[in-house]
Amino acid sequence: MKISKKSQALNIVEPSYFASLASLLWIALYYLPVGGALLRLILPLPISLLQLRRGTKVALDGIFIQILLLTILMGPIRGPLFLFPYGILSFWLGWCWYKNKSWWYSLSSGILIGTFGFLIRVFALSILVGENLWILVTRASYRLIQYFASFVDNFVSFVDISWTPSLIFIQLVAILLVIVQEFVYVLTIHIIANAVFPRLKSFIPKPPNKISGFVDLSL
């Protein structure tokens, strides 16, 4: 096959490079004991940047290459697990920025994708390790409720608060914690992309005026 244009060559080469970079980040996140928080922030950026540079079709090629690489390197379960939520989120954010969607749109939809992706990942890992990992989130939720109840009890000393939260309430608080976590995560990705991508000659929509001062890193 003869490649007649430079753009056609880049459409073949860049998906391989960006998919390889994203795959290395996922492997490092999965196996390295340190740097997990930083790797999670960087992980969605390569495919999103690829979509801004080369379009949706090339980004899909990059995701497909990444699935193949990770399936070969990590197996049929651990490899494709990167899709939930990082792979889907990276493609979706890239699509929103490529189509010049507002931050409110990409943030809200990104939080939804991240939340469902987190739940799917917890379910898959629970099957993989043979334990219910959602219990860890539930325990964190219960401890938060206990802390808040003790704080109110100490602050309002003349009121005797003896309240045991129901299981449904604990589960709702656990889901709320996941949503808050994903909000912070997706917003941070927006801030990093807004600061870094222009230096790579790729641009995302400008942040809303209400938060533009907060997200401007001035790099």
N, C-alpha and C. Protein backbone atom coordinates (compact mmCIF):
# COMPACT_ATOMS: atom_id res chain seq x y z
N MET A 1 0.85 -1.19 0.00
CA MET A 1 0.00 0.00 0.00
C MET A 1 0.88 1.24 0.00
N LYS A 2 0.65 2.12 -0.94
CA LYS A 2 1.44 3.33 -1.06
C LYS A 2 0.73 4.48 -0.34
N ILE A 3 1.45 5.15 0.56
CA ILE A 3 0.90 6.28 1.30
C ILE A 3 1.31 7.56 0.58
N SER A 4 0.33 8.27 0.05
CA SER A 4 0.63 9.41 -0.80
C SER A 4 0.69 10.73 -0.06
N LYS A 5 0.10 10.80 1.13
CA LYS A 5 0.06 12.06 1.85
C LYS A 5 0.65 11.90 3.24
N LYS A 6 1.19 13.01 3.73
CA LYS A 6 1.78 13.01 5.07
C LYS A 6 0.71 12.75 6.12
N SER A 7 -0.48 13.33 5.91
CA SER A 7 -1.56 13.15 6.88
C SER A 7 -1.98 11.69 6.99
N GLN A 8 -1.95 10.97 5.87
CA GLN A 8 -2.30 9.55 5.90
C GLN A 8 -1.27 8.76 6.70
N ALA A 9 -0.01 9.13 6.54
CA ALA A 9 1.04 8.45 7.31
C ALA A 9 0.88 8.72 8.80
N LEU A 10 0.56 9.97 9.14
CA LEU A 10 0.38 10.31 10.56
C LEU A 10 -0.84 9.62 11.14
N ASN A 11 -1.87 9.43 10.32
CA ASN A 11 -3.06 8.73 10.80
C ASN A 11 -2.79 7.27 11.10
N ILE A 12 -1.72 6.73 10.54
CA ILE A 12 -1.33 5.36 10.82
C ILE A 12 -0.35 5.29 11.99
N VAL A 13 0.59 6.24 12.02
CA VAL A 13 1.67 6.20 13.01
C VAL A 13 1.21 6.69 14.39
N GLU A 14 0.50 7.80 14.42
CA GLU A 14 0.14 8.40 15.71
C GLU A 14 -0.75 7.51 16.58
N PRO A 15 -1.76 6.81 16.04
CA PRO A 15 -2.52 5.91 16.91
C PRO A 15 -1.67 4.87 17.60
N SER A 16 -0.65 4.37 16.90
CA SER A 16 0.23 3.37 17.51
C SER A 16 1.02 3.95 18.66
N TYR A 17 1.56 5.16 18.45
CA TYR A 17 2.36 5.79 19.51
C TYR A 17 1.49 6.16 20.71
N PHE A 18 0.36 6.79 20.47
CA PHE A 18 -0.49 7.22 21.59
C PHE A 18 -1.09 6.02 22.30
N ALA A 19 -1.47 4.98 21.56
CA ALA A 19 -1.99 3.77 22.19
C ALA A 19 -0.92 3.08 23.03
N SER A 20 0.31 3.06 22.54
CA SER A 20 1.41 2.46 23.30
C SER A 20 1.67 3.24 24.58
N LEU A 21 1.63 4.58 24.49
CA LEU A 21 1.83 5.41 25.68
C LEU A 21 0.74 5.16 26.71
N ALA A 22 -0.51 5.15 26.26
CA ALA A 22 -1.62 4.89 27.19
C ALA A 22 -1.53 3.49 27.79
N SER A 23 -1.09 2.52 27.01
CA SER A 23 -0.94 1.16 27.52
C SER A 23 0.14 1.08 28.59
N LEU A 24 1.26 1.76 28.36
CA LEU A 24 2.33 1.79 29.36
C LEU A 24 1.85 2.44 30.66
N LEU A 25 1.07 3.50 30.54
CA LEU A 25 0.54 4.17 31.73
C LEU A 25 -0.39 3.24 32.50
N TRP A 26 -1.22 2.48 31.78
CA TRP A 26 -2.13 1.55 32.45
C TRP A 26 -1.37 0.43 33.14
N ILE A 27 -0.35 -0.11 32.49
CA ILE A 27 0.45 -1.17 33.09
C ILE A 27 1.17 -0.65 34.34
N ALA A 28 1.71 0.59 34.23
CA ALA A 28 2.38 1.18 35.39
C ALA A 28 1.41 1.42 36.53
N LEU A 29 0.20 1.88 36.20
CA LEU A 29 -0.81 2.11 37.24
C LEU A 29 -1.20 0.80 37.91
N TYR A 30 -1.24 -0.26 37.13
CA TYR A 30 -1.71 -1.55 37.66
C TYR A 30 -0.65 -2.23 38.53
N TYR A 31 0.62 -2.07 38.17
CA TYR A 31 1.66 -2.86 38.83
C TYR A 31 2.57 -2.05 39.76
N LEU A 32 2.80 -0.78 39.49
CA LEU A 32 3.73 -0.02 40.32
C LEU A 32 3.08 0.37 41.64
N PRO A 33 3.84 0.30 42.74
CA PRO A 33 3.25 0.62 44.04
C PRO A 33 3.17 2.11 44.32
N VAL A 34 3.80 2.94 43.53
CA VAL A 34 3.81 4.38 43.77
C VAL A 34 3.35 5.11 42.51
N GLY A 35 2.96 6.37 42.70
CA GLY A 35 2.59 7.22 41.57
C GLY A 35 1.22 6.97 41.00
N GLY A 36 0.36 6.26 41.73
CA GLY A 36 -0.94 5.91 41.19
C GLY A 36 -1.82 7.12 40.90
N ALA A 37 -1.81 8.10 41.80
CA ALA A 37 -2.66 9.28 41.62
C ALA A 37 -2.25 10.06 40.37
N LEU A 38 -0.95 10.24 40.18
CA LEU A 38 -0.47 10.97 39.00
C LEU A 38 -0.76 10.21 37.72
N LEU A 39 -0.57 8.90 37.73
CA LEU A 39 -0.82 8.09 36.55
C LEU A 39 -2.30 8.11 36.17
N ARG A 40 -3.18 8.10 37.16
CA ARG A 40 -4.62 8.16 36.88
C ARG A 40 -5.00 9.46 36.19
N LEU A 41 -4.32 10.54 36.55
CA LEU A 41 -4.63 11.83 35.93
C LEU A 41 -4.13 11.90 34.49
N ILE A 42 -3.01 11.25 34.21
CA ILE A 42 -2.42 11.31 32.88
C ILE A 42 -3.06 10.30 31.93
N LEU A 43 -3.58 9.21 32.47
CA LEU A 43 -4.03 8.08 31.67
C LEU A 43 -5.03 8.43 30.55
N PRO A 44 -6.03 9.28 30.78
CA PRO A 44 -6.97 9.56 29.68
C PRO A 44 -6.44 10.54 28.63
N LEU A 45 -5.32 11.20 28.90
CA LEU A 45 -4.90 12.30 28.03
C LEU A 45 -4.39 11.86 26.65
N PRO A 46 -3.62 10.76 26.51
CA PRO A 46 -3.11 10.43 25.17
C PRO A 46 -4.18 10.22 24.11
N ILE A 47 -5.23 9.45 24.41
CA ILE A 47 -6.28 9.21 23.43
C ILE A 47 -7.09 10.48 23.17
N SER A 48 -7.32 11.28 24.21
CA SER A 48 -8.02 12.55 24.01
C SER A 48 -7.22 13.47 23.11
N LEU A 49 -5.91 13.53 23.34
CA LEU A 49 -5.05 14.36 22.49
C LEU A 49 -5.02 13.83 21.06
N LEU A 50 -5.00 12.52 20.91
CA LEU A 50 -5.03 11.93 19.57
C LEU A 50 -6.30 12.33 18.82
N GLN A 51 -7.43 12.33 19.51
CA GLN A 51 -8.68 12.71 18.86
C GLN A 51 -8.68 14.18 18.46
N LEU A 52 -8.11 15.03 19.29
CA LEU A 52 -8.03 16.44 18.93
C LEU A 52 -7.14 16.65 17.71
N ARG A 53 -6.10 15.84 17.60
CA ARG A 53 -5.15 16.00 16.50
C ARG A 53 -5.63 15.36 15.21
N ARG A 54 -6.27 14.18 15.31
CA ARG A 54 -6.54 13.39 14.11
C ARG A 54 -8.00 13.02 13.90
N GLY A 55 -8.86 13.33 14.84
CA GLY A 55 -10.27 13.06 14.63
C GLY A 55 -10.76 11.79 15.30
N THR A 56 -12.07 11.58 15.20
CA THR A 56 -12.74 10.50 15.92
C THR A 56 -12.34 9.13 15.41
N LYS A 57 -12.29 8.95 14.11
CA LYS A 57 -11.99 7.64 13.54
C LYS A 57 -10.59 7.17 13.95
N VAL A 58 -9.61 8.07 13.91
CA VAL A 58 -8.26 7.70 14.30
C VAL A 58 -8.19 7.39 15.79
N ALA A 59 -8.97 8.13 16.60
CA ALA A 59 -9.01 7.85 18.04
C ALA A 59 -9.59 6.46 18.32
N LEU A 60 -10.60 6.07 17.56
CA LEU A 60 -11.14 4.71 17.70
C LEU A 60 -10.10 3.67 17.33
N ASP A 61 -9.32 3.96 16.30
CA ASP A 61 -8.22 3.05 15.95
C ASP A 61 -7.23 2.93 17.10
N GLY A 62 -6.93 4.07 17.75
CA GLY A 62 -6.02 4.05 18.89
C GLY A 62 -6.54 3.22 20.04
N ILE A 63 -7.85 3.35 20.34
CA ILE A 63 -8.45 2.55 21.41
C ILE A 63 -8.39 1.07 21.07
N PHE A 64 -8.67 0.73 19.81
CA PHE A 64 -8.64 -0.67 19.39
C PHE A 64 -7.22 -1.23 19.51
N ILE A 65 -6.22 -0.47 19.11
CA ILE A 65 -4.82 -0.91 19.25
C ILE A 65 -4.47 -1.11 20.71
N GLN A 66 -4.93 -0.21 21.55
CA GLN A 66 -4.64 -0.32 22.97
C GLN A 66 -5.27 -1.56 23.57
N ILE A 67 -6.50 -1.87 23.18
CA ILE A 67 -7.15 -3.10 23.67
C ILE A 67 -6.34 -4.33 23.27
N LEU A 68 -5.88 -4.37 22.02
CA LEU A 68 -5.08 -5.51 21.57
C LEU A 68 -3.79 -5.62 22.36
N LEU A 69 -3.10 -4.50 22.54
CA LEU A 69 -1.82 -4.52 23.28
C LEU A 69 -2.02 -5.01 24.70
N LEU A 70 -3.00 -4.44 25.39
CA LEU A 70 -3.20 -4.78 26.79
C LEU A 70 -3.73 -6.20 26.96
N THR A 71 -4.53 -6.66 26.02
CA THR A 71 -5.01 -8.05 26.09
C THR A 71 -3.85 -9.02 25.95
N ILE A 72 -2.91 -8.72 25.05
CA ILE A 72 -1.73 -9.57 24.87
C ILE A 72 -0.82 -9.52 26.08
N LEU A 73 -0.62 -8.32 26.64
CA LEU A 73 0.34 -8.15 27.73
C LEU A 73 -0.21 -8.54 29.09
N MET A 74 -1.53 -8.32 29.32
CA MET A 74 -2.07 -8.49 30.65
C MET A 74 -3.16 -9.56 30.74
N GLY A 75 -3.62 -10.05 29.61
CA GLY A 75 -4.66 -11.07 29.64
C GLY A 75 -6.01 -10.51 29.24
N PRO A 76 -6.98 -11.38 29.03
CA PRO A 76 -8.29 -10.96 28.51
C PRO A 76 -9.18 -10.25 29.51
N ILE A 77 -8.81 -10.23 30.79
CA ILE A 77 -9.63 -9.55 31.80
C ILE A 77 -8.96 -8.25 32.24
N ARG A 78 -7.71 -8.33 32.68
CA ARG A 78 -7.02 -7.15 33.17
C ARG A 78 -6.78 -6.12 32.07
N GLY A 79 -6.53 -6.59 30.85
CA GLY A 79 -6.24 -5.68 29.76
C GLY A 79 -7.40 -4.77 29.39
N PRO A 80 -8.52 -5.35 28.93
CA PRO A 80 -9.67 -4.50 28.56
C PRO A 80 -10.30 -3.74 29.72
N LEU A 81 -9.89 -4.07 30.95
CA LEU A 81 -10.47 -3.38 32.11
C LEU A 81 -10.15 -1.88 32.08
N PHE A 82 -9.14 -1.48 31.31
CA PHE A 82 -8.80 -0.06 31.24
C PHE A 82 -9.95 0.76 30.65
N LEU A 83 -10.84 0.11 29.93
CA LEU A 83 -11.98 0.83 29.34
C LEU A 83 -12.89 1.43 30.41
N PHE A 84 -12.90 0.85 31.60
CA PHE A 84 -13.84 1.26 32.64
C PHE A 84 -13.10 1.90 33.81
N PRO A 85 -13.10 3.23 33.92
CA PRO A 85 -13.74 4.16 32.98
C PRO A 85 -12.74 4.87 32.06
N TYR A 86 -11.42 4.56 32.21
CA TYR A 86 -10.41 5.43 31.60
C TYR A 86 -10.49 5.46 30.08
N GLY A 87 -10.65 4.31 29.44
CA GLY A 87 -10.68 4.28 27.99
C GLY A 87 -11.89 4.98 27.42
N ILE A 88 -13.07 4.66 27.96
CA ILE A 88 -14.30 5.31 27.48
C ILE A 88 -14.27 6.79 27.81
N LEU A 89 -13.79 7.13 29.00
CA LEU A 89 -13.73 8.54 29.40
C LEU A 89 -12.77 9.33 28.51
N SER A 90 -11.62 8.76 28.20
CA SER A 90 -10.65 9.46 27.35
C SER A 90 -11.24 9.72 25.97
N PHE A 91 -11.93 8.73 25.41
CA PHE A 91 -12.54 8.92 24.10
C PHE A 91 -13.66 9.95 24.17
N TRP A 92 -14.48 9.89 25.20
CA TRP A 92 -15.61 10.81 25.30
C TRP A 92 -15.15 12.25 25.50
N LEU A 93 -14.17 12.47 26.38
CA LEU A 93 -13.67 13.82 26.59
C LEU A 93 -13.02 14.36 25.31
N GLY A 94 -12.28 13.48 24.62
CA GLY A 94 -11.70 13.89 23.35
C GLY A 94 -12.76 14.28 22.34
N TRP A 95 -13.86 13.52 22.31
CA TRP A 95 -14.95 13.84 21.38
C TRP A 95 -15.60 15.17 21.74
N CYS A 96 -15.84 15.38 23.04
CA CYS A 96 -16.45 16.65 23.48
C CYS A 96 -15.56 17.83 23.12
N TRP A 97 -14.26 17.70 23.34
CA TRP A 97 -13.36 18.80 23.01
C TRP A 97 -13.22 18.98 21.51
N TYR A 98 -13.22 17.88 20.78
CA TYR A 98 -13.11 17.94 19.31
C TYR A 98 -14.34 18.63 18.70
N LYS A 99 -15.52 18.39 19.30
CA LYS A 99 -16.77 18.99 18.83
C LYS A 99 -17.04 20.34 19.49
N ASN A 100 -16.08 20.80 20.30
CA ASN A 100 -16.18 22.12 20.95
C ASN A 100 -17.39 22.21 21.87
N LYS A 101 -17.67 21.14 22.61
CA LYS A 101 -18.74 21.15 23.59
C LYS A 101 -18.31 21.95 24.82
N SER A 102 -19.29 22.44 25.54
CA SER A 102 -18.99 23.24 26.72
C SER A 102 -18.43 22.38 27.85
N TRP A 103 -17.78 23.05 28.80
CA TRP A 103 -17.23 22.33 29.94
C TRP A 103 -18.34 21.69 30.76
N TRP A 104 -19.47 22.37 30.87
CA TRP A 104 -20.56 21.81 31.67
C TRP A 104 -21.03 20.49 31.07
N TYR A 105 -21.08 20.42 29.75
CA TYR A 105 -21.51 19.19 29.08
C TYR A 105 -20.49 18.07 29.28
N SER A 106 -19.22 18.37 29.02
CA SER A 106 -18.19 17.33 29.14
C SER A 106 -17.98 16.92 30.60
N LEU A 107 -18.12 17.87 31.53
CA LEU A 107 -17.97 17.55 32.95
C LEU A 107 -19.10 16.64 33.43
N SER A 108 -20.33 17.02 33.16
CA SER A 108 -21.47 16.23 33.66
C SER A 108 -21.50 14.83 33.05
N SER A 109 -21.29 14.75 31.73
CA SER A 109 -21.29 13.43 31.10
C SER A 109 -20.06 12.62 31.52
N GLY A 110 -18.92 13.30 31.72
CA GLY A 110 -17.71 12.61 32.18
C GLY A 110 -17.88 12.04 33.57
N ILE A 111 -18.56 12.78 34.45
CA ILE A 111 -18.82 12.28 35.80
C ILE A 111 -19.71 11.04 35.75
N LEU A 112 -20.72 11.07 34.87
CA LEU A 112 -21.61 9.92 34.73
C LEU A 112 -20.85 8.70 34.22
N ILE A 113 -20.01 8.90 33.21
CA ILE A 113 -19.22 7.78 32.67
C ILE A 113 -18.25 7.27 33.73
N GLY A 114 -17.60 8.19 34.43
CA GLY A 114 -16.65 7.78 35.46
C GLY A 114 -17.30 6.99 36.58
N THR A 115 -18.50 7.41 36.99
CA THR A 115 -19.20 6.71 38.08
C THR A 115 -19.58 5.29 37.67
N PHE A 116 -20.22 5.16 36.51
CA PHE A 116 -20.59 3.82 36.05
C PHE A 116 -19.36 2.97 35.77
N GLY A 117 -18.31 3.58 35.22
CA GLY A 117 -17.07 2.84 34.98
C GLY A 117 -16.45 2.34 36.26
N PHE A 118 -16.47 3.16 37.31
CA PHE A 118 -15.94 2.75 38.61
C PHE A 118 -16.71 1.56 39.15
N LEU A 119 -18.03 1.60 39.06
CA LEU A 119 -18.85 0.49 39.57
C LEU A 119 -18.60 -0.79 38.78
N ILE A 120 -18.46 -0.67 37.46
CA ILE A 120 -18.17 -1.85 36.64
C ILE A 120 -16.80 -2.42 37.00
N ARG A 121 -15.82 -1.53 37.21
CA ARG A 121 -14.47 -2.00 37.56
C ARG A 121 -14.46 -2.70 38.91
N VAL A 122 -15.18 -2.17 39.87
CA VAL A 122 -15.28 -2.81 41.18
C VAL A 122 -15.91 -4.19 41.05
N PHE A 123 -16.96 -4.29 40.24
CA PHE A 123 -17.63 -5.58 40.03
C PHE A 123 -16.67 -6.59 39.38
N ALA A 124 -15.95 -6.14 38.34
CA ALA A 124 -15.03 -7.05 37.64
C ALA A 124 -13.88 -7.49 38.54
N LEU A 125 -13.32 -6.55 39.30
CA LEU A 125 -12.21 -6.89 40.20
C LEU A 125 -12.69 -7.78 41.33
N SER A 126 -13.93 -7.61 41.78
CA SER A 126 -14.46 -8.48 42.83
C SER A 126 -14.53 -9.93 42.34
N ILE A 127 -14.93 -10.11 41.09
CA ILE A 127 -14.94 -11.46 40.50
C ILE A 127 -13.52 -11.99 40.37
N LEU A 128 -12.59 -11.10 40.00
CA LEU A 128 -11.22 -11.53 39.77
C LEU A 128 -10.54 -11.99 41.06
N VAL A 129 -10.74 -11.25 42.15
CA VAL A 129 -10.07 -11.59 43.41
C VAL A 129 -10.92 -12.49 44.31
N GLY A 130 -12.17 -12.67 43.95
CA GLY A 130 -13.04 -13.54 44.74
C GLY A 130 -13.57 -12.91 46.01
N GLU A 131 -13.58 -11.58 46.09
CA GLU A 131 -14.11 -10.87 47.26
C GLU A 131 -14.97 -9.70 46.80
N ASN A 132 -15.90 -9.31 47.65
CA ASN A 132 -16.76 -8.17 47.34
C ASN A 132 -16.03 -6.88 47.73
N LEU A 133 -15.44 -6.21 46.75
CA LEU A 133 -14.67 -5.00 47.01
C LEU A 133 -15.55 -3.79 47.30
N TRP A 134 -16.83 -3.88 46.99
CA TRP A 134 -17.72 -2.76 47.30
C TRP A 134 -17.85 -2.55 48.81
N ILE A 135 -17.53 -3.60 49.57
CA ILE A 135 -17.57 -3.49 51.03
C ILE A 135 -16.61 -2.41 51.50
N LEU A 136 -15.47 -2.26 50.82
CA LEU A 136 -14.50 -1.23 51.21
C LEU A 136 -15.10 0.17 51.07
N VAL A 137 -15.83 0.39 49.99
CA VAL A 137 -16.48 1.69 49.80
C VAL A 137 -17.58 1.88 50.84
N THR A 138 -18.31 0.80 51.13
CA THR A 138 -19.38 0.88 52.13
C THR A 138 -18.82 1.20 53.51
N ARG A 139 -17.69 0.63 53.86
CA ARG A 139 -17.06 0.91 55.15
C ARG A 139 -16.63 2.36 55.24
N ALA A 140 -16.06 2.87 54.16
CA ALA A 140 -15.66 4.28 54.14
C ALA A 140 -16.88 5.18 54.31
N SER A 141 -17.98 4.81 53.69
CA SER A 141 -19.22 5.57 53.82
C SER A 141 -19.73 5.54 55.26
N TYR A 142 -19.68 4.38 55.88
CA TYR A 142 -20.15 4.25 57.26
C TYR A 142 -19.28 5.06 58.22
N ARG A 143 -17.97 5.03 58.01
CA ARG A 143 -17.07 5.81 58.87
C ARG A 143 -17.34 7.31 58.72
N LEU A 144 -17.62 7.75 57.50
CA LEU A 144 -17.92 9.16 57.28
C LEU A 144 -19.21 9.56 58.00
N ILE A 145 -20.22 8.69 57.92
CA ILE A 145 -21.48 8.97 58.61
C ILE A 145 -21.26 9.02 60.12
N GLN A 146 -20.48 8.08 60.64
CA GLN A 146 -20.19 8.08 62.08
C GLN A 146 -19.45 9.35 62.50
N TYR A 147 -18.48 9.77 61.68
CA TYR A 147 -17.73 10.98 62.00
C TYR A 147 -18.64 12.20 62.02
N PHE A 148 -19.51 12.29 61.04
CA PHE A 148 -20.42 13.43 60.96
C PHE A 148 -21.39 13.41 62.15
N ALA A 149 -21.89 12.22 62.50
CA ALA A 149 -22.82 12.12 63.63
C ALA A 149 -22.14 12.50 64.95
N SER A 150 -20.90 12.04 65.14
CA SER A 150 -20.18 12.40 66.36
C SER A 150 -19.86 13.89 66.41
N PHE A 151 -19.58 14.48 65.24
CA PHE A 151 -19.30 15.92 65.19
C PHE A 151 -20.53 16.73 65.58
N VAL A 152 -21.70 16.32 65.04
CA VAL A 152 -22.94 17.00 65.39
C VAL A 152 -23.25 16.81 66.86
N ASP A 153 -23.00 15.61 67.39
CA ASP A 153 -23.27 15.32 68.79
C ASP A 153 -22.40 16.18 69.71
N ASN A 154 -21.13 16.37 69.34
CA ASN A 154 -20.23 17.20 70.14
C ASN A 154 -20.56 18.68 70.01
N PHE A 155 -20.97 19.08 68.82
CA PHE A 155 -21.26 20.50 68.57
C PHE A 155 -22.56 20.91 69.26
N VAL A 156 -23.56 20.04 69.18
CA VAL A 156 -24.84 20.31 69.85
C VAL A 156 -24.91 19.39 71.06
N SER A 157 -24.22 19.78 72.12
CA SER A 157 -24.04 18.91 73.28
C SER A 157 -25.33 18.69 74.05
N PHE A 158 -26.30 19.63 73.90
CA PHE A 158 -27.53 19.48 74.67
C PHE A 158 -28.53 18.54 73.99
N VAL A 159 -28.17 18.03 72.83
CA VAL A 159 -29.05 17.12 72.12
C VAL A 159 -28.42 15.73 72.11
N ASP A 160 -29.16 14.75 72.55
CA ASP A 160 -28.67 13.37 72.57
C ASP A 160 -29.03 12.69 71.25
N ILE A 161 -27.99 12.47 70.41
CA ILE A 161 -28.21 11.86 69.10
C ILE A 161 -27.82 10.39 69.17
N SER A 162 -28.78 9.53 69.10
CA SER A 162 -28.51 8.08 69.05
C SER A 162 -29.21 7.56 67.79
N TRP A 163 -28.44 7.54 66.71
CA TRP A 163 -29.04 7.22 65.41
C TRP A 163 -28.16 6.20 64.71
N THR A 164 -28.79 5.14 64.24
CA THR A 164 -28.09 4.11 63.48
C THR A 164 -28.56 4.18 62.04
N PRO A 165 -27.64 4.50 61.11
CA PRO A 165 -28.06 4.64 59.70
C PRO A 165 -28.48 3.29 59.12
N SER A 166 -29.45 3.35 58.25
CA SER A 166 -29.91 2.13 57.58
C SER A 166 -28.91 1.74 56.49
N LEU A 167 -29.04 0.50 56.04
CA LEU A 167 -28.13 0.01 55.00
C LEU A 167 -28.33 0.79 53.69
N ILE A 168 -29.58 1.14 53.38
CA ILE A 168 -29.85 1.89 52.15
C ILE A 168 -29.19 3.26 52.21
N PHE A 169 -29.26 3.90 53.37
CA PHE A 169 -28.64 5.22 53.52
C PHE A 169 -27.12 5.13 53.37
N ILE A 170 -26.53 4.09 53.95
CA ILE A 170 -25.08 3.90 53.83
C ILE A 170 -24.68 3.70 52.37
N GLN A 171 -25.48 2.93 51.64
CA GLN A 171 -25.19 2.69 50.22
C GLN A 171 -25.32 3.99 49.41
N LEU A 172 -26.32 4.79 49.72
CA LEU A 172 -26.51 6.06 49.02
C LEU A 172 -25.34 7.00 49.26
N VAL A 173 -24.86 7.05 50.49
CA VAL A 173 -23.70 7.88 50.80
C VAL A 173 -22.46 7.35 50.08
N ALA A 174 -22.34 6.03 49.98
CA ALA A 174 -21.21 5.44 49.26
C ALA A 174 -21.22 5.85 47.79
N ILE A 175 -22.40 5.81 47.16
CA ILE A 175 -22.51 6.23 45.76
C ILE A 175 -22.21 7.72 45.63
N LEU A 176 -22.65 8.51 46.61
CA LEU A 176 -22.36 9.95 46.60
C LEU A 176 -20.86 10.20 46.68
N LEU A 177 -20.16 9.41 47.48
CA LEU A 177 -18.70 9.54 47.58
C LEU A 177 -18.04 9.25 46.23
N VAL A 178 -18.53 8.24 45.54
CA VAL A 178 -17.98 7.91 44.22
C VAL A 178 -18.21 9.07 43.25
N ILE A 179 -19.42 9.66 43.29
CA ILE A 179 -19.73 10.77 42.39
C ILE A 179 -18.84 11.97 42.67
N VAL A 180 -18.63 12.28 43.95
CA VAL A 180 -17.76 13.40 44.31
C VAL A 180 -16.32 13.12 43.86
N GLN A 181 -15.87 11.89 44.04
CA GLN A 181 -14.53 11.52 43.58
C GLN A 181 -14.39 11.72 42.07
N GLU A 182 -15.39 11.29 41.31
CA GLU A 182 -15.33 11.42 39.86
C GLU A 182 -15.43 12.88 39.43
N PHE A 183 -16.17 13.69 40.17
CA PHE A 183 -16.24 15.12 39.85
C PHE A 183 -14.86 15.76 39.97
N VAL A 184 -14.18 15.49 41.07
CA VAL A 184 -12.84 16.04 41.26
C VAL A 184 -11.88 15.53 40.19
N TYR A 185 -12.01 14.25 39.86
CA TYR A 185 -11.11 13.63 38.87
C TYR A 185 -11.31 14.23 37.48
N VAL A 186 -12.56 14.28 37.03
CA VAL A 186 -12.83 14.79 35.68
C VAL A 186 -12.50 16.28 35.59
N LEU A 187 -12.79 17.04 36.62
CA LEU A 187 -12.44 18.47 36.62
C LEU A 187 -10.94 18.66 36.55
N THR A 188 -10.19 17.84 37.27
CA THR A 188 -8.73 17.94 37.24
C THR A 188 -8.17 17.62 35.86
N ILE A 189 -8.76 16.63 35.18
CA ILE A 189 -8.34 16.30 33.82
C ILE A 189 -8.58 17.50 32.90
N HIS A 190 -9.72 18.16 33.05
CA HIS A 190 -10.00 19.36 32.25
C HIS A 190 -8.95 20.44 32.49
N ILE A 191 -8.60 20.63 33.76
CA ILE A 191 -7.63 21.68 34.10
C ILE A 191 -6.27 21.36 33.49
N ILE A 192 -5.83 20.10 33.59
CA ILE A 192 -4.54 19.72 33.03
C ILE A 192 -4.54 19.86 31.51
N ALA A 193 -5.60 19.38 30.86
CA ALA A 193 -5.68 19.49 29.40
C ALA A 193 -5.71 20.95 28.96
N ASN A 194 -6.42 21.78 29.69
CA ASN A 194 -6.50 23.20 29.36
C ASN A 194 -5.14 23.88 29.47
N ALA A 195 -4.29 23.38 30.35
CA ALA A 195 -2.97 23.98 30.54
C ALA A 195 -1.91 23.40 29.61
N VAL A 196 -2.01 22.09 29.31
CA VAL A 196 -0.93 21.41 28.59
C VAL A 196 -1.18 21.34 27.08
N PHE A 197 -2.40 21.05 26.67
CA PHE A 197 -2.68 20.82 25.25
C PHE A 197 -2.34 22.00 24.34
N PRO A 198 -2.58 23.26 24.75
CA PRO A 198 -2.19 24.36 23.87
C PRO A 198 -0.70 24.38 23.53
N ARG A 199 0.14 23.90 24.43
CA ARG A 199 1.58 23.83 24.16
C ARG A 199 1.89 22.76 23.11
N LEU A 200 0.94 21.83 22.91
CA LEU A 200 1.10 20.79 21.89
C LEU A 200 0.28 21.13 20.63
N LYS A 201 -0.13 22.39 20.54
CA LYS A 201 -0.89 22.90 19.38
C LYS A 201 -2.23 22.19 19.21
N SER A 202 -2.81 21.83 20.33
CA SER A 202 -4.17 21.29 20.36
C SER A 202 -4.93 22.04 21.44
N PHE A 203 -6.18 22.36 21.15
CA PHE A 203 -6.91 23.25 22.04
C PHE A 203 -8.26 22.64 22.39
N ILE A 204 -8.64 22.84 23.65
CA ILE A 204 -9.96 22.44 24.11
C ILE A 204 -10.79 23.70 24.29
N PRO A 205 -12.12 23.56 24.40
CA PRO A 205 -12.95 24.75 24.61
C PRO A 205 -12.53 25.53 25.85
N LYS A 206 -12.74 26.82 25.82
CA LYS A 206 -12.38 27.65 26.96
C LYS A 206 -13.29 27.35 28.15
N PRO A 207 -12.75 27.43 29.36
CA PRO A 207 -13.58 27.17 30.54
C PRO A 207 -14.63 28.26 30.72
N PRO A 208 -15.72 27.94 31.41
CA PRO A 208 -16.74 28.96 31.69
C PRO A 208 -16.15 30.11 32.50
N ASN A 209 -16.74 31.27 32.34
CA ASN A 209 -16.24 32.46 33.04
C ASN A 209 -16.28 32.30 34.55
N LYS A 210 -17.26 31.54 35.04
CA LYS A 210 -17.42 31.40 36.49
C LYS A 210 -16.25 30.66 37.13
N ILE A 211 -15.58 29.79 36.36
CA ILE A 211 -14.48 29.02 36.95
C ILE A 211 -13.17 29.25 36.21
N SER A 212 -13.13 30.20 35.28
CA SER A 212 -11.91 30.41 34.50
C SER A 212 -10.73 30.81 35.36
N GLY A 213 -10.97 31.63 36.37
CA GLY A 213 -9.89 32.02 37.27
C GLY A 213 -9.37 30.87 38.11
N PHE A 214 -10.27 29.95 38.44
CA PHE A 214 -9.88 28.81 39.28
C PHE A 214 -9.06 27.79 38.51
N VAL A 215 -9.38 27.58 37.22
CA VAL A 215 -8.73 26.52 36.46
C VAL A 215 -7.49 27.01 35.71
N ASP A 216 -7.22 28.30 35.72
CA ASP A 216 -6.06 28.82 34.98
C ASP A 216 -4.79 28.56 35.78
N LEU A 217 -3.97 27.62 35.27
CA LEU A 217 -2.72 27.28 35.95
C LEU A 217 -1.58 28.21 35.57
N SER A 218 -1.74 28.96 34.49
CA SER A 218 -0.73 29.92 34.03
C SER A 218 0.62 29.27 33.83
N LEU A 219 0.65 28.13 33.14
CA LEU A 219 1.89 27.43 32.87
C LEU A 219 2.65 28.11 31.74
